[in-house]
Amino acid sequence: MDKFTTVRKVFENNKNSENATAMSAYMKNQFEFYGIPSPERKKLFKEFIKSEKSYKIIDWCFLDKCYEDAHREFQYLVFDYLLDMKKYISFEDIKNI
């Protein structure tokens, strides 16, 4: 199973429909949500991001897939990932950002 599918399953398993509706309404229904608050989302993916750091490279294909997903939590995950991996970003990565 690839990383994107694994992450999607984690999001789906922790979905909160009530929160999702409220979050979507707050964002004027521009995005779909799983309804996972930021602190909980960060806890869910703490170990994942820690393991990604061990590779010392940024997986742009994974990040592109995440950012293309309709759910806003995936876009937040991309931000968290890049923030935690900032020391591995090089000048050549600017085109991807």
N, C-alpha and C. Protein backbone atom coordinates (compact mmCIF):
# COMPACT_ATOMS: atom_id res chain seq x y z
N MET A 1 0.85 -1.17 0.00
CA MET A 1 0.00 0.00 0.00
C MET A 1 0.90 1.24 0.00
N ASP A 2 0.59 2.20 -0.87
CA ASP A 2 1.42 3.40 -0.94
C ASP A 2 1.08 4.38 0.19
N LYS A 3 1.94 5.37 0.36
CA LYS A 3 1.78 6.32 1.47
C LYS A 3 0.45 7.07 1.40
N PHE A 4 0.08 7.50 0.20
CA PHE A 4 -1.15 8.27 0.06
C PHE A 4 -2.36 7.45 0.51
N THR A 5 -2.44 6.22 0.09
CA THR A 5 -3.56 5.35 0.47
C THR A 5 -3.57 5.12 1.97
N THR A 6 -2.41 4.92 2.55
CA THR A 6 -2.30 4.73 3.99
C THR A 6 -2.80 5.97 4.74
N VAL A 7 -2.38 7.13 4.30
CA VAL A 7 -2.81 8.38 4.94
C VAL A 7 -4.32 8.56 4.78
N ARG A 8 -4.84 8.27 3.59
CA ARG A 8 -6.28 8.41 3.38
C ARG A 8 -7.06 7.51 4.33
N LYS A 9 -6.58 6.29 4.54
CA LYS A 9 -7.26 5.37 5.46
C LYS A 9 -7.25 5.91 6.89
N VAL A 10 -6.14 6.51 7.30
CA VAL A 10 -6.07 7.10 8.64
C VAL A 10 -7.10 8.22 8.76
N PHE A 11 -7.17 9.08 7.74
CA PHE A 11 -8.16 10.15 7.76
C PHE A 11 -9.58 9.58 7.82
N GLU A 12 -9.86 8.59 6.99
CA GLU A 12 -11.21 8.01 6.94
C GLU A 12 -11.58 7.33 8.26
N ASN A 13 -10.62 6.68 8.89
CA ASN A 13 -10.88 5.99 10.16
C ASN A 13 -11.10 6.95 11.32
N ASN A 14 -10.67 8.19 11.15
CA ASN A 14 -10.80 9.18 12.22
C ASN A 14 -11.76 10.31 11.86
N LYS A 15 -12.55 10.08 10.86
CA LYS A 15 -13.50 11.08 10.37
C LYS A 15 -14.54 11.43 11.43
N ASN A 16 -14.89 12.72 11.48
CA ASN A 16 -15.93 13.20 12.38
C ASN A 16 -16.89 14.02 11.52
N SER A 17 -18.03 13.43 11.18
CA SER A 17 -18.97 14.06 10.25
C SER A 17 -19.52 15.39 10.76
N GLU A 18 -19.78 15.47 12.05
CA GLU A 18 -20.28 16.73 12.63
C GLU A 18 -19.27 17.85 12.44
N ASN A 19 -18.02 17.58 12.81
CA ASN A 19 -16.96 18.57 12.64
C ASN A 19 -16.76 18.91 11.16
N ALA A 20 -16.85 17.90 10.31
CA ALA A 20 -16.63 18.10 8.87
C ALA A 20 -17.64 19.10 8.31
N THR A 21 -18.88 18.97 8.71
CA THR A 21 -19.93 19.88 8.24
C THR A 21 -19.65 21.30 8.73
N ALA A 22 -19.30 21.44 10.00
CA ALA A 22 -19.02 22.76 10.56
C ALA A 22 -17.78 23.39 9.91
N MET A 23 -16.74 22.59 9.71
CA MET A 23 -15.51 23.11 9.11
C MET A 23 -15.76 23.57 7.67
N SER A 24 -16.51 22.77 6.95
CA SER A 24 -16.83 23.13 5.57
C SER A 24 -17.65 24.42 5.51
N ALA A 25 -18.62 24.54 6.40
CA ALA A 25 -19.45 25.75 6.45
C ALA A 25 -18.58 26.97 6.78
N TYR A 26 -17.66 26.80 7.73
CA TYR A 26 -16.76 27.89 8.12
C TYR A 26 -15.94 28.37 6.92
N MET A 27 -15.56 27.45 6.06
CA MET A 27 -14.76 27.79 4.87
C MET A 27 -15.66 28.07 3.66
N LYS A 28 -16.92 28.40 3.94
CA LYS A 28 -17.91 28.74 2.91
C LYS A 28 -18.08 27.64 1.87
N ASN A 29 -18.00 26.40 2.34
CA ASN A 29 -18.21 25.20 1.52
C ASN A 29 -17.29 25.13 0.30
N GLN A 30 -16.10 25.68 0.42
CA GLN A 30 -15.13 25.63 -0.66
C GLN A 30 -14.31 24.33 -0.64
N PHE A 31 -14.31 23.64 0.51
CA PHE A 31 -13.50 22.43 0.67
C PHE A 31 -14.30 21.34 1.36
N GLU A 32 -13.91 20.11 1.09
CA GLU A 32 -14.43 18.98 1.85
C GLU A 32 -13.51 18.78 3.04
N PHE A 33 -14.05 18.24 4.11
CA PHE A 33 -13.27 17.99 5.32
C PHE A 33 -13.58 16.60 5.86
N TYR A 34 -12.61 16.04 6.55
CA TYR A 34 -12.84 14.82 7.33
C TYR A 34 -13.31 15.18 8.74
N GLY A 35 -13.14 16.43 9.12
CA GLY A 35 -13.58 16.88 10.43
C GLY A 35 -12.60 16.59 11.55
N ILE A 36 -11.32 16.51 11.21
CA ILE A 36 -10.29 16.21 12.20
C ILE A 36 -9.61 17.52 12.61
N PRO A 37 -9.74 17.91 13.87
CA PRO A 37 -9.10 19.15 14.32
C PRO A 37 -7.57 19.07 14.21
N SER A 38 -6.95 20.21 14.05
CA SER A 38 -5.51 20.29 13.85
C SER A 38 -4.68 19.54 14.90
N PRO A 39 -4.93 19.72 16.20
CA PRO A 39 -4.10 19.00 17.18
C PRO A 39 -4.21 17.47 17.03
N GLU A 40 -5.40 17.00 16.74
CA GLU A 40 -5.60 15.55 16.57
C GLU A 40 -4.92 15.07 15.29
N ARG A 41 -5.03 15.85 14.20
CA ARG A 41 -4.40 15.49 12.94
C ARG A 41 -2.88 15.40 13.11
N LYS A 42 -2.32 16.37 13.82
CA LYS A 42 -0.86 16.37 14.03
C LYS A 42 -0.42 15.17 14.87
N LYS A 43 -1.24 14.79 15.84
CA LYS A 43 -0.94 13.61 16.65
C LYS A 43 -0.98 12.34 15.80
N LEU A 44 -1.99 12.25 14.92
CA LEU A 44 -2.15 11.07 14.07
C LEU A 44 -0.94 10.85 13.16
N PHE A 45 -0.32 11.94 12.72
CA PHE A 45 0.75 11.82 11.73
C PHE A 45 2.14 12.13 12.26
N LYS A 46 2.25 12.25 13.57
CA LYS A 46 3.55 12.54 14.18
C LYS A 46 4.58 11.48 13.82
N GLU A 47 4.24 10.23 13.99
CA GLU A 47 5.18 9.13 13.69
C GLU A 47 5.46 9.02 12.19
N PHE A 48 4.44 9.28 11.38
CA PHE A 48 4.61 9.23 9.93
C PHE A 48 5.64 10.27 9.49
N ILE A 49 5.48 11.49 9.97
CA ILE A 49 6.43 12.54 9.59
C ILE A 49 7.81 12.26 10.15
N LYS A 50 7.86 11.71 11.34
CA LYS A 50 9.16 11.33 11.93
C LYS A 50 9.87 10.31 11.05
N SER A 51 9.13 9.33 10.54
CA SER A 51 9.74 8.32 9.67
C SER A 51 10.15 8.93 8.33
N GLU A 52 9.39 9.91 7.85
CA GLU A 52 9.75 10.58 6.59
C GLU A 52 11.06 11.35 6.74
N LYS A 53 11.29 11.92 7.90
CA LYS A 53 12.53 12.65 8.16
C LYS A 53 13.75 11.75 8.03
N SER A 54 13.58 10.48 8.35
CA SER A 54 14.72 9.55 8.29
C SER A 54 15.23 9.35 6.86
N TYR A 55 14.37 9.61 5.86
CA TYR A 55 14.80 9.48 4.46
C TYR A 55 15.60 10.67 3.97
N LYS A 56 15.42 11.81 4.65
CA LYS A 56 16.15 13.04 4.35
C LYS A 56 15.93 13.56 2.93
N ILE A 57 14.80 13.20 2.35
CA ILE A 57 14.40 13.75 1.06
C ILE A 57 12.90 14.04 1.10
N ILE A 58 12.48 14.95 0.29
CA ILE A 58 11.07 15.30 0.23
C ILE A 58 10.41 14.52 -0.90
N ASP A 59 9.34 13.85 -0.58
CA ASP A 59 8.61 13.04 -1.55
C ASP A 59 7.57 13.92 -2.25
N TRP A 60 7.99 14.57 -3.33
CA TRP A 60 7.12 15.51 -4.03
C TRP A 60 5.93 14.82 -4.70
N CYS A 61 6.10 13.60 -5.16
CA CYS A 61 4.97 12.87 -5.77
C CYS A 61 3.86 12.65 -4.73
N PHE A 62 4.25 12.26 -3.53
CA PHE A 62 3.29 12.07 -2.45
C PHE A 62 2.60 13.40 -2.12
N LEU A 63 3.38 14.45 -2.00
CA LEU A 63 2.81 15.76 -1.66
C LEU A 63 1.86 16.27 -2.74
N ASP A 64 2.21 16.03 -4.00
CA ASP A 64 1.32 16.44 -5.09
C ASP A 64 -0.01 15.70 -5.02
N LYS A 65 0.05 14.40 -4.75
CA LYS A 65 -1.19 13.62 -4.61
C LYS A 65 -2.04 14.15 -3.46
N CYS A 66 -1.39 14.44 -2.35
CA CYS A 66 -2.11 14.96 -1.19
C CYS A 66 -2.76 16.29 -1.52
N TYR A 67 -2.02 17.16 -2.16
CA TYR A 67 -2.55 18.50 -2.42
C TYR A 67 -3.69 18.48 -3.44
N GLU A 68 -3.71 17.48 -4.31
CA GLU A 68 -4.78 17.36 -5.30
C GLU A 68 -6.07 16.81 -4.70
N ASP A 69 -6.00 16.19 -3.54
CA ASP A 69 -7.20 15.64 -2.92
C ASP A 69 -8.15 16.76 -2.53
N ALA A 70 -9.43 16.48 -2.58
CA ALA A 70 -10.46 17.48 -2.30
C ALA A 70 -10.56 17.85 -0.82
N HIS A 71 -10.06 16.98 0.05
CA HIS A 71 -10.18 17.22 1.50
C HIS A 71 -9.08 18.16 1.99
N ARG A 72 -9.50 19.14 2.73
CA ARG A 72 -8.59 20.19 3.22
C ARG A 72 -7.51 19.63 4.15
N GLU A 73 -7.81 18.58 4.89
CA GLU A 73 -6.81 18.01 5.80
C GLU A 73 -5.57 17.53 5.07
N PHE A 74 -5.73 17.08 3.82
CA PHE A 74 -4.57 16.68 3.04
C PHE A 74 -3.67 17.88 2.76
N GLN A 75 -4.27 19.01 2.47
CA GLN A 75 -3.49 20.22 2.21
C GLN A 75 -2.78 20.68 3.48
N TYR A 76 -3.45 20.54 4.61
CA TYR A 76 -2.82 20.87 5.88
C TYR A 76 -1.65 19.91 6.17
N LEU A 77 -1.82 18.66 5.81
CA LEU A 77 -0.75 17.68 6.01
C LEU A 77 0.48 18.06 5.18
N VAL A 78 0.25 18.51 3.95
CA VAL A 78 1.37 18.95 3.10
C VAL A 78 2.14 20.09 3.79
N PHE A 79 1.41 21.04 4.33
CA PHE A 79 2.03 22.16 5.03
C PHE A 79 2.85 21.66 6.24
N ASP A 80 2.24 20.79 7.05
CA ASP A 80 2.93 20.26 8.23
C ASP A 80 4.19 19.48 7.82
N TYR A 81 4.05 18.68 6.77
CA TYR A 81 5.16 17.88 6.26
C TYR A 81 6.32 18.80 5.85
N LEU A 82 6.01 19.81 5.02
CA LEU A 82 7.07 20.71 4.56
C LEU A 82 7.69 21.51 5.69
N LEU A 83 6.88 21.91 6.63
CA LEU A 83 7.41 22.65 7.78
C LEU A 83 8.39 21.79 8.57
N ASP A 84 8.05 20.53 8.77
CA ASP A 84 8.94 19.63 9.51
C ASP A 84 10.16 19.19 8.69
N MET A 85 10.05 19.25 7.37
CA MET A 85 11.15 18.81 6.51
C MET A 85 11.94 19.99 5.93
N LYS A 86 11.74 21.17 6.48
CA LYS A 86 12.33 22.38 5.90
C LYS A 86 13.84 22.32 5.72
N LYS A 87 14.54 21.60 6.57
CA LYS A 87 16.00 21.57 6.42
C LYS A 87 16.44 20.73 5.22
N TYR A 88 15.51 19.98 4.63
CA TYR A 88 15.83 19.18 3.45
C TYR A 88 15.39 19.86 2.15
N ILE A 89 14.79 21.04 2.26
CA ILE A 89 14.38 21.78 1.07
C ILE A 89 15.59 22.50 0.51
N SER A 90 15.76 22.36 -0.79
CA SER A 90 16.88 23.01 -1.45
C SER A 90 16.35 24.05 -2.45
N PHE A 91 17.25 24.81 -3.01
CA PHE A 91 16.89 25.83 -3.97
C PHE A 91 16.14 25.21 -5.16
N GLU A 92 16.52 24.01 -5.56
CA GLU A 92 15.91 23.34 -6.70
C GLU A 92 14.45 22.97 -6.43
N ASP A 93 14.06 22.92 -5.16
CA ASP A 93 12.69 22.55 -4.79
C ASP A 93 11.70 23.70 -4.95
N ILE A 94 12.18 24.89 -5.19
CA ILE A 94 11.28 26.04 -5.28
C ILE A 94 10.23 25.82 -6.36
N LYS A 95 10.58 25.21 -7.46
CA LYS A 95 9.61 24.98 -8.54
C LYS A 95 8.46 24.07 -8.08
N ASN A 96 8.74 23.21 -7.13
CA ASN A 96 7.69 22.32 -6.60
C ASN A 96 6.78 23.01 -5.59
N ILE A 97 7.34 23.97 -4.90
CA ILE A 97 6.58 24.67 -3.88
C ILE A 97 5.59 25.60 -4.55
